[in-house]
Amino acid sequence: MADRDWEEAFSRLIISEVTPPKTISPLFAALYSTSRTVRWHAVSCFGIAVPKLSESGLEQARIVVRRCTWSLNDESGGIGWGAPEAIAEILAALPEIAEEYANILVSFILEREQADNFLEYLPLREGAYWGIARLAQARPDLVQPWQEHILQAISREGSPFILGSACLILSYAELVSDRAKQLFRHIEERPESISLYWNRTFWLVTLSNLAQNGASFPTHAVPQASAG
């Protein structure tokens, strides 16, 4: 999955050689890989495999989303690496169920008084912000109703990765309130760069670039030569 032609190879695999259900467990395992490239390509592959799986019924896709959600629950006994990102890829690729589960994805960043799914562990919450940005890219209409909640959540965050993802959320969902503009100005002043996987490419991009250019940031950035 780290090969250059991974996307074409995986698509060909699930279409002609392996039934989609047999790809799901290996994808979950790949989310725990020590290779960042393998992990992120696995995230993308959920958006390829699960729509194919759903051809036998949308309930099959729902089961995968519920499995991702369960992995983030304390009772699961695991950590749920990559689960919010995988959910986002599935919802972006399957509009038939996106409306059902968009609120769950957003709830991962809402404080306990607003939802029961808040991810206290920062690396998982970073994944949730990336996931909301991915959903906003595909279905901005499902993110826009949560504008005030999302802006409030972002205002409490300090992680450079979250702030970078926030720029994409605000840009794709076209959140242009005064509060959103203030957040853009605040992030633009941050000096950090982040490694960002976007449009199935790795980028090293500054927060200033993301704040100034939002969804069009790739035209002002250079892909990373190696993601590790």
C-alpha atoms as a PDB file:
ATOM      1  CA  MET A   1       0.000   0.000   0.000  1.00  0.00           C
ATOM      2  CA  ALA A   2       3.049   2.216   0.092  1.00  0.00           C
ATOM      3  CA  ASP A   3       3.748   1.735  -3.622  1.00  0.00           C
ATOM      4  CA  ARG A   4       3.436   4.692  -5.955  1.00  0.00           C
ATOM      5  CA  ASP A   5       0.568   3.053  -7.868  1.00  0.00           C
ATOM      6  CA  TRP A   6      -1.246   1.934  -4.715  1.00  0.00           C
ATOM      7  CA  GLU A   7      -4.602   3.474  -5.625  1.00  0.00           C
ATOM      8  CA  GLU A   8      -4.898   1.784  -9.005  1.00  0.00           C
ATOM      9  CA  ALA A   9      -3.612  -1.508  -7.605  1.00  0.00           C
ATOM     10  CA  PHE A  10      -6.063  -1.506  -4.696  1.00  0.00           C
ATOM     11  CA  SER A  11      -9.014  -0.628  -6.933  1.00  0.00           C
ATOM     12  CA  ARG A  12      -8.093  -3.438  -9.294  1.00  0.00           C
ATOM     13  CA  LEU A  13      -7.697  -5.831  -6.369  1.00  0.00           C
ATOM     14  CA  ILE A  14     -11.160  -5.361  -4.909  1.00  0.00           C
ATOM     15  CA  ILE A  15     -12.837  -5.367  -8.319  1.00  0.00           C
ATOM     16  CA  SER A  16     -11.243  -8.440  -9.847  1.00  0.00           C
ATOM     17  CA  GLU A  17      -9.369 -10.508  -7.285  1.00  0.00           C
ATOM     18  CA  VAL A  18     -10.642 -10.124  -3.716  1.00  0.00           C
ATOM     19  CA  THR A  19     -14.200  -9.718  -2.508  1.00  0.00           C
ATOM     20  CA  PRO A  20     -14.663  -6.368  -0.711  1.00  0.00           C
ATOM     21  CA  PRO A  21     -15.484  -7.885   2.726  1.00  0.00           C
ATOM     22  CA  LYS A  22     -12.052  -9.519   2.806  1.00  0.00           C
ATOM     23  CA  THR A  23     -10.328  -6.145   2.438  1.00  0.00           C
ATOM     24  CA  ILE A  24     -11.905  -4.476   5.490  1.00  0.00           C
ATOM     25  CA  SER A  25     -10.019  -6.204   8.317  1.00  0.00           C
ATOM     26  CA  PRO A  26      -6.634  -5.705   6.603  1.00  0.00           C
ATOM     27  CA  LEU A  27      -7.473  -2.015   6.202  1.00  0.00           C
ATOM     28  CA  PHE A  28      -8.220  -1.697   9.913  1.00  0.00           C
ATOM     29  CA  ALA A  29      -4.895  -3.388  10.619  1.00  0.00           C
ATOM     30  CA  ALA A  30      -3.102  -1.000   8.258  1.00  0.00           C
ATOM     31  CA  LEU A  31      -4.363   1.964  10.291  1.00  0.00           C
ATOM     32  CA  TYR A  32      -1.987   0.769  13.020  1.00  0.00           C
ATOM     33  CA  SER A  33       1.038   0.583  10.714  1.00  0.00           C
ATOM     34  CA  THR A  34       4.222   2.336  11.810  1.00  0.00           C
ATOM     35  CA  SER A  35       4.440   3.739   8.273  1.00  0.00           C
ATOM     36  CA  ARG A  36       2.586   7.012   7.905  1.00  0.00           C
ATOM     37  CA  THR A  37       2.253   6.353   4.180  1.00  0.00           C
ATOM     38  CA  VAL A  38       0.581   2.998   4.752  1.00  0.00           C
ATOM     39  CA  ARG A  39      -1.746   4.448   7.403  1.00  0.00           C
ATOM     40  CA  TRP A  40      -2.981   7.297   5.250  1.00  0.00           C
ATOM     41  CA  HIS A  41      -3.320   5.182   2.133  1.00  0.00           C
ATOM     42  CA  ALA A  42      -5.417   2.797   4.216  1.00  0.00           C
ATOM     43  CA  VAL A  43      -7.672   5.721   5.132  1.00  0.00           C
ATOM     44  CA  SER A  44      -8.151   6.494   1.444  1.00  0.00           C
ATOM     45  CA  CYS A  45      -8.790   2.833   0.673  1.00  0.00           C
ATOM     46  CA  PHE A  46     -11.803   2.817   2.995  1.00  0.00           C
ATOM     47  CA  GLY A  47     -13.331   5.269   0.540  1.00  0.00           C
ATOM     48  CA  ILE A  48     -12.703   2.780  -2.259  1.00  0.00           C
ATOM     49  CA  ALA A  49     -13.574  -0.518  -0.582  1.00  0.00           C
ATOM     50  CA  VAL A  50     -16.681   0.415   1.399  1.00  0.00           C
ATOM     51  CA  PRO A  51     -18.665   1.819  -1.565  1.00  0.00           C
ATOM     52  CA  LYS A  52     -17.884  -1.421  -3.400  1.00  0.00           C
ATOM     53  CA  LEU A  53     -18.978  -3.365  -0.338  1.00  0.00           C
ATOM     54  CA  SER A  54     -22.223  -1.377  -0.189  1.00  0.00           C
ATOM     55  CA  GLU A  55     -23.268  -2.696  -3.587  1.00  0.00           C
ATOM     56  CA  SER A  56     -24.613  -5.698  -1.699  1.00  0.00           C
ATOM     57  CA  GLY A  57     -26.541  -3.397   0.633  1.00  0.00           C
ATOM     58  CA  LEU A  58     -25.952  -0.120   2.450  1.00  0.00           C
ATOM     59  CA  GLU A  59     -26.148  -1.905   5.782  1.00  0.00           C
ATOM     60  CA  GLN A  60     -22.728  -3.380   5.032  1.00  0.00           C
ATOM     61  CA  ALA A  61     -21.293   0.154   4.870  1.00  0.00           C
ATOM     62  CA  ARG A  62     -23.093   1.122   8.058  1.00  0.00           C
ATOM     63  CA  ILE A  63     -21.511  -1.830   9.841  1.00  0.00           C
ATOM     64  CA  VAL A  64     -18.027  -0.581   8.901  1.00  0.00           C
ATOM     65  CA  VAL A  65     -18.835   2.941  10.115  1.00  0.00           C
ATOM     66  CA  ARG A  66     -20.191   1.556  13.376  1.00  0.00           C
ATOM     67  CA  ARG A  67     -17.038  -0.543  13.767  1.00  0.00           C
ATOM     68  CA  CYS A  68     -14.937   2.612  13.340  1.00  0.00           C
ATOM     69  CA  THR A  69     -17.059   4.436  15.911  1.00  0.00           C
ATOM     70  CA  TRP A  70     -16.855   1.537  18.368  1.00  0.00           C
ATOM     71  CA  SER A  71     -13.055   1.507  18.104  1.00  0.00           C
ATOM     72  CA  LEU A  72     -13.060   5.030  19.571  1.00  0.00           C
ATOM     73  CA  ASN A  73     -15.097   3.955  22.570  1.00  0.00           C
ATOM     74  CA  ASP A  74     -13.245   3.304  25.827  1.00  0.00           C
ATOM     75  CA  GLU A  75     -15.071  -0.008  26.107  1.00  0.00           C
ATOM     76  CA  SER A  76     -13.516  -1.240  22.860  1.00  0.00           C
ATOM     77  CA  GLY A  77     -10.197  -1.789  24.609  1.00  0.00           C
ATOM     78  CA  GLY A  78      -8.326  -0.148  21.725  1.00  0.00           C
ATOM     79  CA  ILE A  79      -7.369   3.328  20.606  1.00  0.00           C
ATOM     80  CA  GLY A  80      -9.123   3.678  17.265  1.00  0.00           C
ATOM     81  CA  TRP A  81      -6.209   5.027  15.242  1.00  0.00           C
ATOM     82  CA  GLY A  82      -7.425   6.449  11.951  1.00  0.00           C
ATOM     83  CA  ALA A  83     -11.077   5.775  12.670  1.00  0.00           C
ATOM     84  CA  PRO A  84     -12.387   9.366  12.294  1.00  0.00           C
ATOM     85  CA  GLU A  85     -10.438   9.755   9.046  1.00  0.00           C
ATOM     86  CA  ALA A  86     -11.762   6.425   7.724  1.00  0.00           C
ATOM     87  CA  ILE A  87     -15.335   7.417   8.603  1.00  0.00           C
ATOM     88  CA  ALA A  88     -14.864  10.673   6.712  1.00  0.00           C
ATOM     89  CA  GLU A  89     -13.580   8.905   3.605  1.00  0.00           C
ATOM     90  CA  ILE A  90     -16.555   6.547   3.680  1.00  0.00           C
ATOM     91  CA  LEU A  91     -19.064   9.375   4.066  1.00  0.00           C
ATOM     92  CA  ALA A  92     -17.373  11.400   1.325  1.00  0.00           C
ATOM     93  CA  ALA A  93     -17.657   8.442  -1.033  1.00  0.00           C
ATOM     94  CA  LEU A  94     -21.161   7.335   0.012  1.00  0.00           C
ATOM     95  CA  PRO A  95     -23.638  10.212   0.039  1.00  0.00           C
ATOM     96  CA  GLU A  96     -26.391   7.657   0.693  1.00  0.00           C
ATOM     97  CA  ILE A  97     -25.297   7.357   4.331  1.00  0.00           C
ATOM     98  CA  ALA A  98     -23.392  10.616   4.812  1.00  0.00           C
ATOM     99  CA  GLU A  99     -26.355  12.435   6.306  1.00  0.00           C
ATOM    100  CA  GLU A 100     -26.896   9.639   8.828  1.00  0.00           C
ATOM    101  CA  TYR A 101     -23.412   9.817  10.288  1.00  0.00           C
ATOM    102  CA  ALA A 102     -22.172  13.384   9.727  1.00  0.00           C
ATOM    103  CA  ASN A 103     -23.388  14.439  13.176  1.00  0.00           C
ATOM    104  CA  ILE A 104     -21.379  11.629  14.798  1.00  0.00           C
ATOM    105  CA  LEU A 105     -18.202  12.748  13.037  1.00  0.00           C
ATOM    106  CA  VAL A 106     -18.737  16.334  14.198  1.00  0.00           C
ATOM    107  CA  SER A 107     -19.548  15.188  17.726  1.00  0.00           C
ATOM    108  CA  PHE A 108     -15.978  13.922  18.137  1.00  0.00           C
ATOM    109  CA  ILE A 109     -14.783  17.532  18.569  1.00  0.00           C
ATOM    110  CA  LEU A 110     -17.621  18.799  20.769  1.00  0.00           C
ATOM    111  CA  GLU A 111     -17.045  19.143  24.493  1.00  0.00           C
ATOM    112  CA  ARG A 112     -18.786  16.750  26.858  1.00  0.00           C
ATOM    113  CA  GLU A 113     -21.594  19.175  27.658  1.00  0.00           C
ATOM    114  CA  GLN A 114     -22.553  19.148  23.972  1.00  0.00           C
ATOM    115  CA  ALA A 115     -21.995  15.497  23.064  1.00  0.00           C
ATOM    116  CA  ASP A 116     -20.912  12.187  24.552  1.00  0.00           C
ATOM    117  CA  ASN A 117     -18.340  11.407  21.864  1.00  0.00           C
ATOM    118  CA  PHE A 118     -15.696  14.067  22.544  1.00  0.00           C
ATOM    119  CA  LEU A 119     -12.218  12.682  21.856  1.00  0.00           C
ATOM    120  CA  GLU A 120     -10.025  13.826  24.713  1.00  0.00           C
ATOM    121  CA  TYR A 121      -6.895  12.223  23.285  1.00  0.00           C
ATOM    122  CA  LEU A 122      -5.353  14.893  21.059  1.00  0.00           C
ATOM    123  CA  PRO A 123      -4.048  12.661  18.210  1.00  0.00           C
ATOM    124  CA  LEU A 124      -7.525  11.173  17.751  1.00  0.00           C
ATOM    125  CA  ARG A 125      -9.144  14.594  17.893  1.00  0.00           C
ATOM    126  CA  GLU A 126      -6.703  15.817  15.240  1.00  0.00           C
ATOM    127  CA  GLY A 127      -7.965  12.991  13.059  1.00  0.00           C
ATOM    128  CA  ALA A 128     -11.540  14.088  13.684  1.00  0.00           C
ATOM    129  CA  TYR A 129     -10.801  17.630  12.514  1.00  0.00           C
ATOM    130  CA  TRP A 130      -9.158  16.240   9.382  1.00  0.00           C
ATOM    131  CA  GLY A 131     -12.236  14.085   8.888  1.00  0.00           C
ATOM    132  CA  ILE A 132     -14.616  17.024   9.180  1.00  0.00           C
ATOM    133  CA  ALA A 133     -12.498  18.895   6.636  1.00  0.00           C
ATOM    134  CA  ARG A 134     -12.748  15.904   4.295  1.00  0.00           C
ATOM    135  CA  LEU A 135     -16.521  15.781   4.773  1.00  0.00           C
ATOM    136  CA  ALA A 136     -16.726  19.538   4.138  1.00  0.00           C
ATOM    137  CA  GLN A 137     -14.834  19.011   0.892  1.00  0.00           C
ATOM    138  CA  ALA A 138     -17.367  16.423  -0.299  1.00  0.00           C
ATOM    139  CA  ARG A 139     -20.577  17.573   1.424  1.00  0.00           C
ATOM    140  CA  PRO A 140     -20.294  21.137   2.757  1.00  0.00           C
ATOM    141  CA  ASP A 141     -24.053  21.201   3.323  1.00  0.00           C
ATOM    142  CA  LEU A 142     -23.652  18.637   6.110  1.00  0.00           C
ATOM    143  CA  VAL A 143     -21.052  20.729   7.921  1.00  0.00           C
ATOM    144  CA  GLN A 144     -22.604  24.174   7.565  1.00  0.00           C
ATOM    145  CA  PRO A 145     -25.433  23.602  10.113  1.00  0.00           C
ATOM    146  CA  TRP A 146     -22.759  22.974  12.752  1.00  0.00           C
ATOM    147  CA  GLN A 147     -20.996  26.284  12.120  1.00  0.00           C
ATOM    148  CA  GLU A 148     -21.276  27.813  15.586  1.00  0.00           C
ATOM    149  CA  HIS A 149     -20.363  24.579  17.361  1.00  0.00           C
ATOM    150  CA  ILE A 150     -17.348  24.049  15.102  1.00  0.00           C
ATOM    151  CA  LEU A 151     -16.116  27.627  15.478  1.00  0.00           C
ATOM    152  CA  GLN A 152     -16.439  27.370  19.246  1.00  0.00           C
ATOM    153  CA  ALA A 153     -14.497  24.094  19.233  1.00  0.00           C
ATOM    154  CA  ILE A 154     -11.715  25.494  17.041  1.00  0.00           C
ATOM    155  CA  SER A 155     -11.322  28.516  19.294  1.00  0.00           C
ATOM    156  CA  ARG A 156     -10.316  26.192  22.142  1.00  0.00           C
ATOM    157  CA  GLU A 157      -7.647  24.350  20.162  1.00  0.00           C
ATOM    158  CA  GLY A 158      -3.912  25.046  19.929  1.00  0.00           C
ATOM    159  CA  SER A 159      -2.640  22.093  17.896  1.00  0.00           C
ATOM    160  CA  PRO A 160      -1.066  23.300  14.613  1.00  0.00           C
ATOM    161  CA  PHE A 161      -2.552  20.276  12.818  1.00  0.00           C
ATOM    162  CA  ILE A 162      -6.035  21.077  14.092  1.00  0.00           C
ATOM    163  CA  LEU A 163      -5.690  24.734  13.139  1.00  0.00           C
ATOM    164  CA  GLY A 164      -4.537  23.746   9.665  1.00  0.00           C
ATOM    165  CA  SER A 165      -7.458  21.361   9.284  1.00  0.00           C
ATOM    166  CA  ALA A 166      -9.735  24.106  10.597  1.00  0.00           C
ATOM    167  CA  CYS A 167      -8.728  26.324   7.690  1.00  0.00           C
ATOM    168  CA  LEU A 168      -9.924  23.641   5.296  1.00  0.00           C
ATOM    169  CA  ILE A 169     -13.187  23.222   7.195  1.00  0.00           C
ATOM    170  CA  LEU A 170     -13.871  26.959   7.101  1.00  0.00           C
ATOM    171  CA  SER A 171     -12.911  27.197   3.451  1.00  0.00           C
ATOM    172  CA  TYR A 172     -14.785  24.200   2.036  1.00  0.00           C
ATOM    173  CA  ALA A 173     -17.897  24.798   4.140  1.00  0.00           C
ATOM    174  CA  GLU A 174     -17.731  28.520   3.269  1.00  0.00           C
ATOM    175  CA  LEU A 175     -18.017  29.612   6.887  1.00  0.00           C
ATOM    176  CA  VAL A 176     -17.507  33.357   6.535  1.00  0.00           C
ATOM    177  CA  SER A 177     -18.919  34.855   9.721  1.00  0.00           C
ATOM    178  CA  ASP A 178     -16.973  37.500  11.623  1.00  0.00           C
ATOM    179  CA  ARG A 179     -15.875  34.807  14.057  1.00  0.00           C
ATOM    180  CA  ALA A 180     -14.576  32.658  11.183  1.00  0.00           C
ATOM    181  CA  LYS A 181     -12.654  35.598   9.742  1.00  0.00           C
ATOM    182  CA  GLN A 182     -11.133  36.268  13.152  1.00  0.00           C
ATOM    183  CA  LEU A 183      -9.973  32.639  13.369  1.00  0.00           C
ATOM    184  CA  PHE A 184      -8.408  32.890   9.915  1.00  0.00           C
ATOM    185  CA  ARG A 185      -6.474  35.991  11.022  1.00  0.00           C
ATOM    186  CA  HIS A 186      -5.325  34.265  14.201  1.00  0.00           C
ATOM    187  CA  ILE A 187      -4.123  31.166  12.349  1.00  0.00           C
ATOM    188  CA  GLU A 188      -2.403  33.240   9.671  1.00  0.00           C
ATOM    189  CA  GLU A 189      -0.134  34.668  12.373  1.00  0.00           C
ATOM    190  CA  ARG A 190       1.038  31.230  13.502  1.00  0.00           C
ATOM    191  CA  PRO A 191       4.568  30.391  12.273  1.00  0.00           C
ATOM    192  CA  GLU A 192       4.247  26.588  12.153  1.00  0.00           C
ATOM    193  CA  SER A 193       4.203  24.214   9.207  1.00  0.00           C
ATOM    194  CA  ILE A 194       2.357  20.890   9.255  1.00  0.00           C
ATOM    195  CA  SER A 195       2.532  17.667   7.293  1.00  0.00           C
ATOM    196  CA  LEU A 196      -0.877  17.285   5.689  1.00  0.00           C
ATOM    197  CA  TYR A 197      -2.304  14.397   3.681  1.00  0.00           C
ATOM    198  CA  TRP A 198      -4.809  15.881   1.260  1.00  0.00           C
ATOM    199  CA  ASN A 199      -6.224  14.797  -2.091  1.00  0.00           C
ATOM    200  CA  ARG A 200      -4.207  11.602  -1.586  1.00  0.00           C
ATOM    201  CA  THR A 201      -0.948  13.536  -1.573  1.00  0.00           C
ATOM    202  CA  PHE A 202       1.375  14.521   1.281  1.00  0.00           C
ATOM    203  CA  TRP A 203       2.139  18.217   1.682  1.00  0.00           C
ATOM    204  CA  LEU A 204       4.395  20.234   3.952  1.00  0.00           C
ATOM    205  CA  VAL A 205       2.383  23.413   4.278  1.00  0.00           C
ATOM    206  CA  THR A 206       2.444  26.488   6.500  1.00  0.00           C
ATOM    207  CA  LEU A 207      -0.515  27.530   8.591  1.00  0.00           C
ATOM    208  CA  SER A 208      -0.217  30.933   6.943  1.00  0.00           C
ATOM    209  CA  ASN A 209      -0.718  29.320   3.521  1.00  0.00           C
ATOM    210  CA  LEU A 210      -3.775  27.423   4.744  1.00  0.00           C
ATOM    211  CA  ALA A 211      -5.256  30.508   6.378  1.00  0.00           C
ATOM    212  CA  GLN A 212      -4.708  32.675   3.316  1.00  0.00           C
ATOM    213  CA  ASN A 213      -5.642  30.167   0.615  1.00  0.00           C
ATOM    214  CA  GLY A 214      -7.884  27.563   2.236  1.00  0.00           C
ATOM    215  CA  ALA A 215      -8.973  24.894  -0.221  1.00  0.00           C
ATOM    216  CA  SER A 216      -6.658  26.252  -2.924  1.00  0.00           C
ATOM    217  CA  PHE A 217      -3.531  25.815  -0.790  1.00  0.00           C
ATOM    218  CA  PRO A 218      -1.964  23.150  -3.116  1.00  0.00           C
ATOM    219  CA  THR A 219      -1.376  25.793  -5.789  1.00  0.00           C
ATOM    220  CA  HIS A 220       0.913  27.536  -3.290  1.00  0.00           C
ATOM    221  CA  ALA A 221       2.610  24.425  -1.857  1.00  0.00           C
ATOM    222  CA  VAL A 222       4.955  21.649  -2.933  1.00  0.00           C
ATOM    223  CA  PRO A 223       4.186  17.960  -2.297  1.00  0.00           C
ATOM    224  CA  GLN A 224       6.452  16.173   0.134  1.00  0.00           C
ATOM    225  CA  ALA A 225       8.991  13.999  -1.600  1.00  0.00           C
ATOM    226  CA  SER A 226       8.783  11.335   1.089  1.00  0.00           C
ATOM    227  CA  ALA A 227       6.208  10.836   3.817  1.00  0.00           C
ATOM    228  CA  GLY A 228       7.881   7.999   5.716  1.00  0.00           C
END
